[in-house]
Amino acid sequence: MRPRIAIPPGEVEITAIRAQGAGGQNVNKVANAVHLRFDIAASSLPEVVRMRLLGLGDRRISKEGVVVIKAQAFRSLEKNRAEALRRLEDLIAGAAEPPVPRWPTRPSRASVKKRLADKARRAALKLGRARVDD
């Protein structure tokens, strides 16, 4: 279960924009896509979560540390707004989850033996291609 962190509405900037693609007669009149902006550094998120978010290699996070999400899947402005907020919450919840520690492992004896046998077989094959001296 991912931890849920509440995001105050004042920290999220939502702008209605015109959606791309087909939309019939409505396309040039109604702005029903949503552009969401969330400044990570100026947010009230815990410091650990902020650092993890800024460390993510996500293309939605700009160099300035602003999350930019564009939602235009639905024809309704409210549905697109809810979708953008859900995506932001998922992104933050993923960063709030602590990373799983990696336990160092060693290859099994059988896998080492197989690797060395394959290596020896390959070396013999290449040796057979070498120039023959009389």
Protein backbone atom coordinates (compact mmCIF):
# COMPACT_ATOMS: atom_id res chain seq x y z
CA MET A 1 0.00 0.00 0.00
CA ARG A 2 1.44 3.32 -1.06
CA PRO A 3 1.41 6.15 1.47
CA ARG A 4 -0.99 8.95 0.54
CA ILE A 5 0.13 12.53 1.06
CA ALA A 6 -2.44 15.32 0.95
CA ILE A 7 -1.60 18.15 -1.43
CA PRO A 8 -3.04 21.56 -0.46
CA PRO A 9 -5.03 23.04 -3.39
CA GLY A 10 -3.14 26.34 -3.08
CA GLU A 11 0.13 24.69 -4.10
CA VAL A 12 -1.27 23.37 -7.39
CA GLU A 13 -1.76 25.73 -10.34
CA ILE A 14 -4.35 24.44 -12.83
CA THR A 15 -4.91 26.19 -16.15
CA ALA A 16 -7.58 25.33 -18.73
CA ILE A 17 -6.15 25.08 -22.25
CA ARG A 18 -7.44 23.96 -25.62
CA ALA A 19 -7.01 20.25 -26.25
CA GLN A 20 -5.16 18.90 -29.27
CA GLY A 21 -6.65 16.49 -31.74
CA ALA A 22 -10.13 15.92 -33.01
CA GLY A 23 -13.03 17.54 -31.22
CA GLY A 24 -15.60 18.44 -33.83
CA GLN A 25 -17.23 21.85 -33.72
CA ASN A 26 -16.24 22.32 -30.07
CA VAL A 27 -12.49 22.17 -30.64
CA ASN A 28 -11.90 25.86 -31.35
CA LYS A 29 -14.35 27.22 -28.77
CA VAL A 30 -13.92 25.30 -25.53
CA ALA A 31 -10.79 25.01 -23.41
CA ASN A 32 -11.27 21.64 -21.76
CA ALA A 33 -7.72 20.27 -21.45
CA VAL A 34 -5.83 20.93 -18.22
CA HIS A 35 -2.26 22.09 -17.63
CA LEU A 36 -1.22 21.38 -14.02
CA ARG A 37 1.91 22.93 -12.48
CA PHE A 38 3.31 21.98 -9.06
CA ASP A 39 6.48 23.58 -7.65
CA ILE A 40 8.27 20.90 -5.64
CA ALA A 41 10.66 23.26 -3.80
CA ALA A 42 7.86 25.60 -2.65
CA SER A 43 5.58 22.76 -1.56
CA SER A 44 4.74 21.60 1.95
CA LEU A 45 5.87 18.04 1.23
CA PRO A 46 8.25 16.37 3.70
CA GLU A 47 11.93 17.03 2.91
CA VAL A 48 12.62 13.36 2.13
CA VAL A 49 9.81 13.20 -0.43
CA ARG A 50 10.93 16.48 -2.03
CA MET A 51 14.48 15.17 -2.45
CA ARG A 52 13.26 11.89 -3.96
CA LEU A 53 10.94 13.75 -6.35
CA LEU A 54 13.74 16.06 -7.52
CA GLY A 55 16.00 13.03 -7.95
CA LEU A 56 13.56 11.24 -10.24
CA GLY A 57 14.44 11.18 -13.91
CA ASP A 58 10.84 11.86 -14.87
CA ARG A 59 10.33 13.98 -18.00
CA ARG A 60 7.36 15.72 -16.36
CA ILE A 61 9.70 17.40 -13.85
CA SER A 62 11.50 20.45 -15.28
CA LYS A 63 15.06 21.51 -14.44
CA GLU A 64 13.59 24.18 -12.13
CA GLY A 65 11.82 21.47 -10.11
CA VAL A 66 8.30 22.11 -11.38
CA VAL A 67 6.00 19.18 -12.18
CA VAL A 68 4.06 19.85 -15.40
CA ILE A 69 1.16 17.53 -16.25
CA LYS A 70 -1.13 17.90 -19.25
CA ALA A 71 -4.45 16.02 -19.18
CA GLN A 72 -6.68 15.96 -22.24
CA ALA A 73 -8.08 12.43 -22.34
CA PHE A 74 -11.68 13.48 -21.63
CA ARG A 75 -14.02 16.01 -23.19
CA SER A 76 -14.95 17.35 -19.76
CA LEU A 77 -12.78 19.93 -17.99
CA GLU A 78 -13.65 18.46 -14.57
CA LYS A 79 -12.65 14.93 -15.60
CA ASN A 80 -9.36 16.21 -17.02
CA ARG A 81 -8.71 18.19 -13.82
CA ALA A 82 -9.36 15.08 -11.70
CA GLU A 83 -7.10 13.00 -13.98
CA ALA A 84 -4.23 15.52 -13.70
CA LEU A 85 -4.54 15.60 -9.89
CA ARG A 86 -4.62 11.78 -9.76
CA ARG A 87 -1.43 11.60 -11.85
CA LEU A 88 0.28 14.12 -9.55
CA GLU A 89 -0.79 12.13 -6.47
CA ASP A 90 0.54 8.92 -8.03
CA LEU A 91 3.88 10.59 -8.78
CA ILE A 92 4.17 11.90 -5.21
CA ALA A 93 3.03 8.59 -3.69
CA GLY A 94 5.72 6.77 -5.68
CA ALA A 95 8.37 9.15 -4.34
CA ALA A 96 7.01 8.87 -0.79
CA GLU A 97 7.54 5.12 -0.79
CA PRO A 98 11.03 4.34 0.53
CA PRO A 99 13.25 2.47 -1.93
CA VAL A 100 13.71 -1.26 -1.35
CA PRO A 101 17.25 -1.93 -0.09
CA ARG A 102 19.36 -4.11 -2.34
CA TRP A 103 20.97 -7.08 -0.70
CA PRO A 104 24.26 -8.07 -2.35
CA THR A 105 24.22 -11.60 -3.77
CA ARG A 106 26.83 -13.95 -5.18
CA PRO A 107 26.49 -16.12 -8.28
CA SER A 108 25.88 -19.81 -7.59
CA ARG A 109 28.71 -22.31 -8.04
CA ALA A 110 26.84 -23.95 -10.95
CA SER A 111 26.39 -20.62 -12.78
CA VAL A 112 30.11 -19.80 -12.42
CA LYS A 113 31.03 -23.27 -13.71
CA LYS A 114 28.66 -22.90 -16.69
CA ARG A 115 30.02 -19.43 -17.52
CA LEU A 116 33.63 -20.67 -17.48
CA ALA A 117 32.73 -23.71 -19.62
CA ASP A 118 31.02 -21.48 -22.19
CA LYS A 119 34.03 -19.18 -22.16
CA ALA A 120 36.42 -22.10 -22.76
CA ARG A 121 34.22 -23.44 -25.60
CA ARG A 122 34.14 -20.01 -27.24
CA ALA A 123 37.94 -19.64 -26.90
CA ALA A 124 38.45 -23.05 -28.54
CA LEU A 125 36.15 -22.07 -31.40
CA LYS A 126 38.07 -18.85 -32.01
CA LEU A 127 41.39 -20.69 -31.75
CA GLY A 128 40.20 -22.97 -34.56
CA ARG A 129 39.81 -19.91 -36.80
CA ALA A 130 43.42 -18.83 -36.32
CA ARG A 131 45.95 -18.90 -39.12
CA VAL A 132 47.72 -22.23 -39.54
CA ASP A 133 51.53 -22.14 -39.77
CA ASP A 134 53.35 -24.96 -41.66
